[in-house]
Amino acid sequence: MQNESGENVDLYVPRKCSYTHRLVAAKDHSSVQINVANVDPVTGIATGDYTPYCLGGYIRFKSEGDMALTTLVKENDSKTLVPEVVAEE
């Protein structure tokens, strides 16, 4: 809920699992949020920014957390990569 000036005034904003898009309940103590560093594709050095990924306990309980995180990072990486320009010979 927002007030008249547009600020968020809710006491609790539920998170969603980045992989399954399910809501993560407040009592889900097995859910995690992992911040993955963004890396400059040219230099290979971390830029200081990060991308947060939330994994629900349901995915971790099924032992698919590592696969889910890998899939999410690869999808995000393919969106941010700049295609290389091939020089004409």
N, C-alpha and C. Protein backbone atom coordinates (compact mmCIF):
# COMPACT_ATOMS: atom_id res chain seq x y z
N MET A 1 0.84 -1.17 0.00
CA MET A 1 0.00 0.00 0.00
C MET A 1 0.89 1.24 0.00
N GLN A 2 0.44 2.29 -0.68
CA GLN A 2 1.22 3.51 -0.76
C GLN A 2 0.42 4.67 -0.16
N ASN A 3 1.15 5.61 0.41
CA ASN A 3 0.48 6.80 0.95
C ASN A 3 0.33 7.85 -0.15
N GLU A 4 -0.13 9.04 0.22
CA GLU A 4 -0.41 10.07 -0.78
C GLU A 4 0.83 10.55 -1.51
N SER A 5 2.00 10.47 -0.87
CA SER A 5 3.22 10.93 -1.53
C SER A 5 3.89 9.82 -2.35
N GLY A 6 3.31 8.62 -2.38
CA GLY A 6 3.83 7.54 -3.21
C GLY A 6 4.83 6.63 -2.53
N GLU A 7 5.02 6.79 -1.23
CA GLU A 7 5.97 5.96 -0.49
C GLU A 7 5.30 4.65 -0.07
N ASN A 8 6.06 3.57 -0.08
CA ASN A 8 5.56 2.27 0.33
C ASN A 8 5.45 2.22 1.85
N VAL A 9 4.26 1.93 2.38
CA VAL A 9 4.05 1.96 3.83
C VAL A 9 3.67 0.59 4.38
N ASP A 10 3.78 -0.46 3.58
CA ASP A 10 3.45 -1.80 4.07
C ASP A 10 4.50 -2.25 5.09
N LEU A 11 4.04 -2.98 6.10
CA LEU A 11 4.95 -3.50 7.10
C LEU A 11 5.71 -4.72 6.58
N TYR A 12 5.08 -5.50 5.72
CA TYR A 12 5.71 -6.71 5.21
C TYR A 12 5.43 -6.82 3.71
N VAL A 13 6.48 -6.89 2.92
CA VAL A 13 6.34 -7.07 1.48
C VAL A 13 6.88 -8.46 1.16
N PRO A 14 6.02 -9.39 0.73
CA PRO A 14 6.49 -10.75 0.48
C PRO A 14 7.42 -10.82 -0.73
N ARG A 15 8.37 -11.74 -0.66
CA ARG A 15 9.29 -11.97 -1.77
C ARG A 15 8.74 -13.07 -2.66
N LYS A 16 9.27 -13.12 -3.88
CA LYS A 16 8.90 -14.19 -4.80
C LYS A 16 10.16 -14.95 -5.18
N CYS A 17 10.01 -16.25 -5.33
CA CYS A 17 11.12 -17.08 -5.79
C CYS A 17 11.45 -16.67 -7.22
N SER A 18 12.71 -16.43 -7.50
CA SER A 18 13.12 -15.98 -8.83
C SER A 18 12.97 -17.08 -9.86
N TYR A 19 12.96 -18.34 -9.44
CA TYR A 19 12.92 -19.46 -10.38
C TYR A 19 11.48 -19.91 -10.63
N THR A 20 10.68 -20.11 -9.59
CA THR A 20 9.32 -20.62 -9.75
C THR A 20 8.27 -19.52 -9.71
N HIS A 21 8.63 -18.32 -9.32
CA HIS A 21 7.72 -17.18 -9.20
C HIS A 21 6.63 -17.44 -8.15
N ARG A 22 6.89 -18.32 -7.21
CA ARG A 22 5.97 -18.54 -6.08
C ARG A 22 6.29 -17.53 -4.99
N LEU A 23 5.27 -17.18 -4.22
CA LEU A 23 5.51 -16.31 -3.07
C LEU A 23 6.28 -17.07 -2.00
N VAL A 24 7.23 -16.40 -1.39
CA VAL A 24 8.00 -16.98 -0.28
C VAL A 24 7.32 -16.52 1.00
N ALA A 25 6.80 -17.47 1.75
CA ALA A 25 6.07 -17.14 2.98
C ALA A 25 7.02 -16.62 4.05
N ALA A 26 6.46 -15.91 5.01
CA ALA A 26 7.27 -15.36 6.10
C ALA A 26 7.87 -16.46 6.97
N LYS A 27 7.19 -17.60 7.07
CA LYS A 27 7.66 -18.70 7.90
C LYS A 27 8.55 -19.69 7.14
N ASP A 28 8.88 -19.39 5.90
CA ASP A 28 9.76 -20.27 5.11
C ASP A 28 11.20 -19.98 5.50
N HIS A 29 11.70 -20.71 6.48
CA HIS A 29 13.04 -20.46 7.00
C HIS A 29 14.13 -21.10 6.17
N SER A 30 13.77 -21.85 5.14
CA SER A 30 14.79 -22.47 4.30
C SER A 30 15.02 -21.70 3.01
N SER A 31 14.33 -20.58 2.83
CA SER A 31 14.54 -19.78 1.63
C SER A 31 15.79 -18.90 1.82
N VAL A 32 16.42 -18.58 0.70
CA VAL A 32 17.63 -17.76 0.74
C VAL A 32 17.55 -16.68 -0.34
N GLN A 33 18.28 -15.61 -0.12
CA GLN A 33 18.47 -14.59 -1.14
C GLN A 33 19.96 -14.47 -1.37
N ILE A 34 20.38 -14.67 -2.61
CA ILE A 34 21.80 -14.68 -2.96
C ILE A 34 22.08 -13.50 -3.88
N ASN A 35 23.09 -12.71 -3.56
CA ASN A 35 23.50 -11.59 -4.41
C ASN A 35 24.70 -12.04 -5.23
N VAL A 36 24.54 -12.01 -6.56
CA VAL A 36 25.61 -12.42 -7.47
C VAL A 36 26.22 -11.16 -8.07
N ALA A 37 27.54 -11.05 -7.98
CA ALA A 37 28.24 -9.85 -8.45
C ALA A 37 28.16 -9.74 -9.97
N ASN A 38 27.99 -8.51 -10.46
CA ASN A 38 28.04 -8.24 -11.90
C ASN A 38 29.49 -8.02 -12.29
N VAL A 39 29.88 -8.61 -13.40
CA VAL A 39 31.27 -8.57 -13.85
C VAL A 39 31.35 -7.86 -15.19
N ASP A 40 32.35 -7.00 -15.33
CA ASP A 40 32.58 -6.33 -16.60
C ASP A 40 33.05 -7.35 -17.62
N PRO A 41 32.36 -7.50 -18.77
CA PRO A 41 32.74 -8.55 -19.72
C PRO A 41 34.08 -8.33 -20.38
N VAL A 42 34.57 -7.10 -20.42
CA VAL A 42 35.85 -6.82 -21.07
C VAL A 42 37.02 -7.11 -20.14
N THR A 43 36.96 -6.58 -18.92
CA THR A 43 38.09 -6.72 -18.01
C THR A 43 37.98 -7.93 -17.09
N GLY A 44 36.77 -8.42 -16.87
CA GLY A 44 36.59 -9.55 -15.97
C GLY A 44 36.62 -9.18 -14.50
N ILE A 45 36.49 -7.89 -14.20
CA ILE A 45 36.54 -7.39 -12.83
C ILE A 45 35.12 -7.07 -12.37
N ALA A 46 34.83 -7.37 -11.11
CA ALA A 46 33.51 -7.08 -10.54
C ALA A 46 33.29 -5.57 -10.53
N THR A 47 32.08 -5.14 -10.92
CA THR A 47 31.78 -3.71 -11.04
C THR A 47 31.32 -3.09 -9.74
N GLY A 48 31.00 -3.89 -8.74
CA GLY A 48 30.49 -3.38 -7.48
C GLY A 48 28.98 -3.48 -7.39
N ASP A 49 28.32 -3.72 -8.50
CA ASP A 49 26.88 -3.93 -8.52
C ASP A 49 26.61 -5.42 -8.34
N TYR A 50 25.38 -5.75 -8.02
CA TYR A 50 25.02 -7.15 -7.88
C TYR A 50 23.58 -7.36 -8.33
N THR A 51 23.25 -8.61 -8.60
CA THR A 51 21.90 -8.99 -8.98
C THR A 51 21.38 -9.95 -7.92
N PRO A 52 20.28 -9.61 -7.23
CA PRO A 52 19.75 -10.50 -6.19
C PRO A 52 18.87 -11.59 -6.79
N TYR A 53 19.02 -12.81 -6.28
CA TYR A 53 18.18 -13.94 -6.65
C TYR A 53 17.61 -14.54 -5.38
N CYS A 54 16.32 -14.76 -5.37
CA CYS A 54 15.64 -15.34 -4.21
C CYS A 54 15.22 -16.76 -4.57
N LEU A 55 15.62 -17.72 -3.76
CA LEU A 55 15.25 -19.12 -3.97
C LEU A 55 14.41 -19.57 -2.80
N GLY A 56 13.24 -20.10 -3.11
CA GLY A 56 12.33 -20.57 -2.07
C GLY A 56 12.77 -21.90 -1.50
N GLY A 57 12.23 -22.21 -0.34
CA GLY A 57 12.56 -23.47 0.32
C GLY A 57 12.08 -24.67 -0.46
N TYR A 58 11.04 -24.51 -1.26
CA TYR A 58 10.52 -25.61 -2.07
C TYR A 58 11.57 -26.12 -3.05
N ILE A 59 12.26 -25.21 -3.72
CA ILE A 59 13.31 -25.59 -4.68
C ILE A 59 14.50 -26.20 -3.94
N ARG A 60 14.87 -25.63 -2.82
CA ARG A 60 16.01 -26.16 -2.07
C ARG A 60 15.69 -27.52 -1.48
N PHE A 61 14.44 -27.75 -1.08
CA PHE A 61 14.03 -29.03 -0.53
C PHE A 61 14.12 -30.14 -1.59
N LYS A 62 13.84 -29.78 -2.83
CA LYS A 62 13.91 -30.75 -3.92
C LYS A 62 15.33 -30.92 -4.46
N SER A 63 16.32 -30.31 -3.83
CA SER A 63 17.73 -30.36 -4.23
C SER A 63 17.95 -29.82 -5.63
N GLU A 64 17.22 -28.77 -5.99
CA GLU A 64 17.37 -28.16 -7.30
C GLU A 64 17.84 -26.71 -7.20
N GLY A 65 18.35 -26.33 -6.04
CA GLY A 65 18.76 -24.95 -5.84
C GLY A 65 19.94 -24.56 -6.70
N ASP A 66 20.93 -25.45 -6.84
CA ASP A 66 22.10 -25.13 -7.65
C ASP A 66 21.75 -25.03 -9.12
N MET A 67 20.86 -25.92 -9.60
CA MET A 67 20.43 -25.87 -10.99
C MET A 67 19.62 -24.59 -11.25
N ALA A 68 18.76 -24.23 -10.31
CA ALA A 68 17.94 -23.03 -10.47
C ALA A 68 18.80 -21.78 -10.51
N LEU A 69 19.78 -21.67 -9.62
CA LEU A 69 20.65 -20.50 -9.60
C LEU A 69 21.48 -20.42 -10.88
N THR A 70 22.00 -21.56 -11.34
CA THR A 70 22.77 -21.57 -12.58
C THR A 70 21.92 -21.13 -13.76
N THR A 71 20.69 -21.60 -13.84
CA THR A 71 19.78 -21.22 -14.92
C THR A 71 19.48 -19.73 -14.89
N LEU A 72 19.20 -19.20 -13.71
CA LEU A 72 18.89 -17.78 -13.58
C LEU A 72 20.07 -16.90 -13.98
N VAL A 73 21.27 -17.29 -13.56
CA VAL A 73 22.46 -16.50 -13.89
C VAL A 73 22.74 -16.56 -15.39
N LYS A 74 22.59 -17.74 -16.00
CA LYS A 74 22.82 -17.85 -17.44
C LYS A 74 21.81 -17.03 -18.23
N GLU A 75 20.52 -17.03 -17.80
CA GLU A 75 19.51 -16.23 -18.49
C GLU A 75 19.83 -14.75 -18.38
N ASN A 76 20.23 -14.31 -17.21
CA ASN A 76 20.57 -12.89 -17.02
C ASN A 76 21.83 -12.53 -17.80
N ASP A 77 22.78 -13.44 -17.85
CA ASP A 77 24.03 -13.20 -18.56
C ASP A 77 23.79 -13.07 -20.06
N SER A 78 22.89 -13.88 -20.60
CA SER A 78 22.63 -13.80 -22.04
C SER A 78 21.90 -12.51 -22.39
N LYS A 79 21.15 -11.93 -21.45
CA LYS A 79 20.46 -10.67 -21.70
C LYS A 79 21.42 -9.49 -21.68
N THR A 80 22.47 -9.57 -20.88
CA THR A 80 23.36 -8.43 -20.70
C THR A 80 24.59 -8.46 -21.58
N LEU A 81 24.88 -9.58 -22.22
CA LEU A 81 26.06 -9.66 -23.07
C LEU A 81 25.86 -8.81 -24.32
N VAL A 82 26.90 -8.10 -24.69
CA VAL A 82 26.87 -7.29 -25.90
C VAL A 82 27.48 -8.13 -27.01
N PRO A 83 26.78 -8.27 -28.14
CA PRO A 83 27.35 -9.07 -29.24
C PRO A 83 28.64 -8.44 -29.74
N GLU A 84 29.61 -9.29 -30.04
CA GLU A 84 30.90 -8.80 -30.51
C GLU A 84 30.78 -8.37 -31.96
N VAL A 85 31.45 -7.30 -32.30
CA VAL A 85 31.46 -6.80 -33.67
C VAL A 85 32.63 -7.47 -34.37
N VAL A 86 32.34 -8.14 -35.48
CA VAL A 86 33.36 -8.83 -36.23
C VAL A 86 33.92 -7.85 -37.27
N ALA A 87 35.22 -7.67 -37.25
CA ALA A 87 35.86 -6.76 -38.18
C ALA A 87 35.92 -7.40 -39.56
N GLU A 88 35.64 -6.59 -40.58
CA GLU A 88 35.70 -7.11 -41.93
C GLU A 88 37.15 -7.17 -42.37
N GLU A 89 37.48 -8.22 -43.06
CA GLU A 89 38.87 -8.40 -43.51
C GLU A 89 39.02 -8.03 -44.96
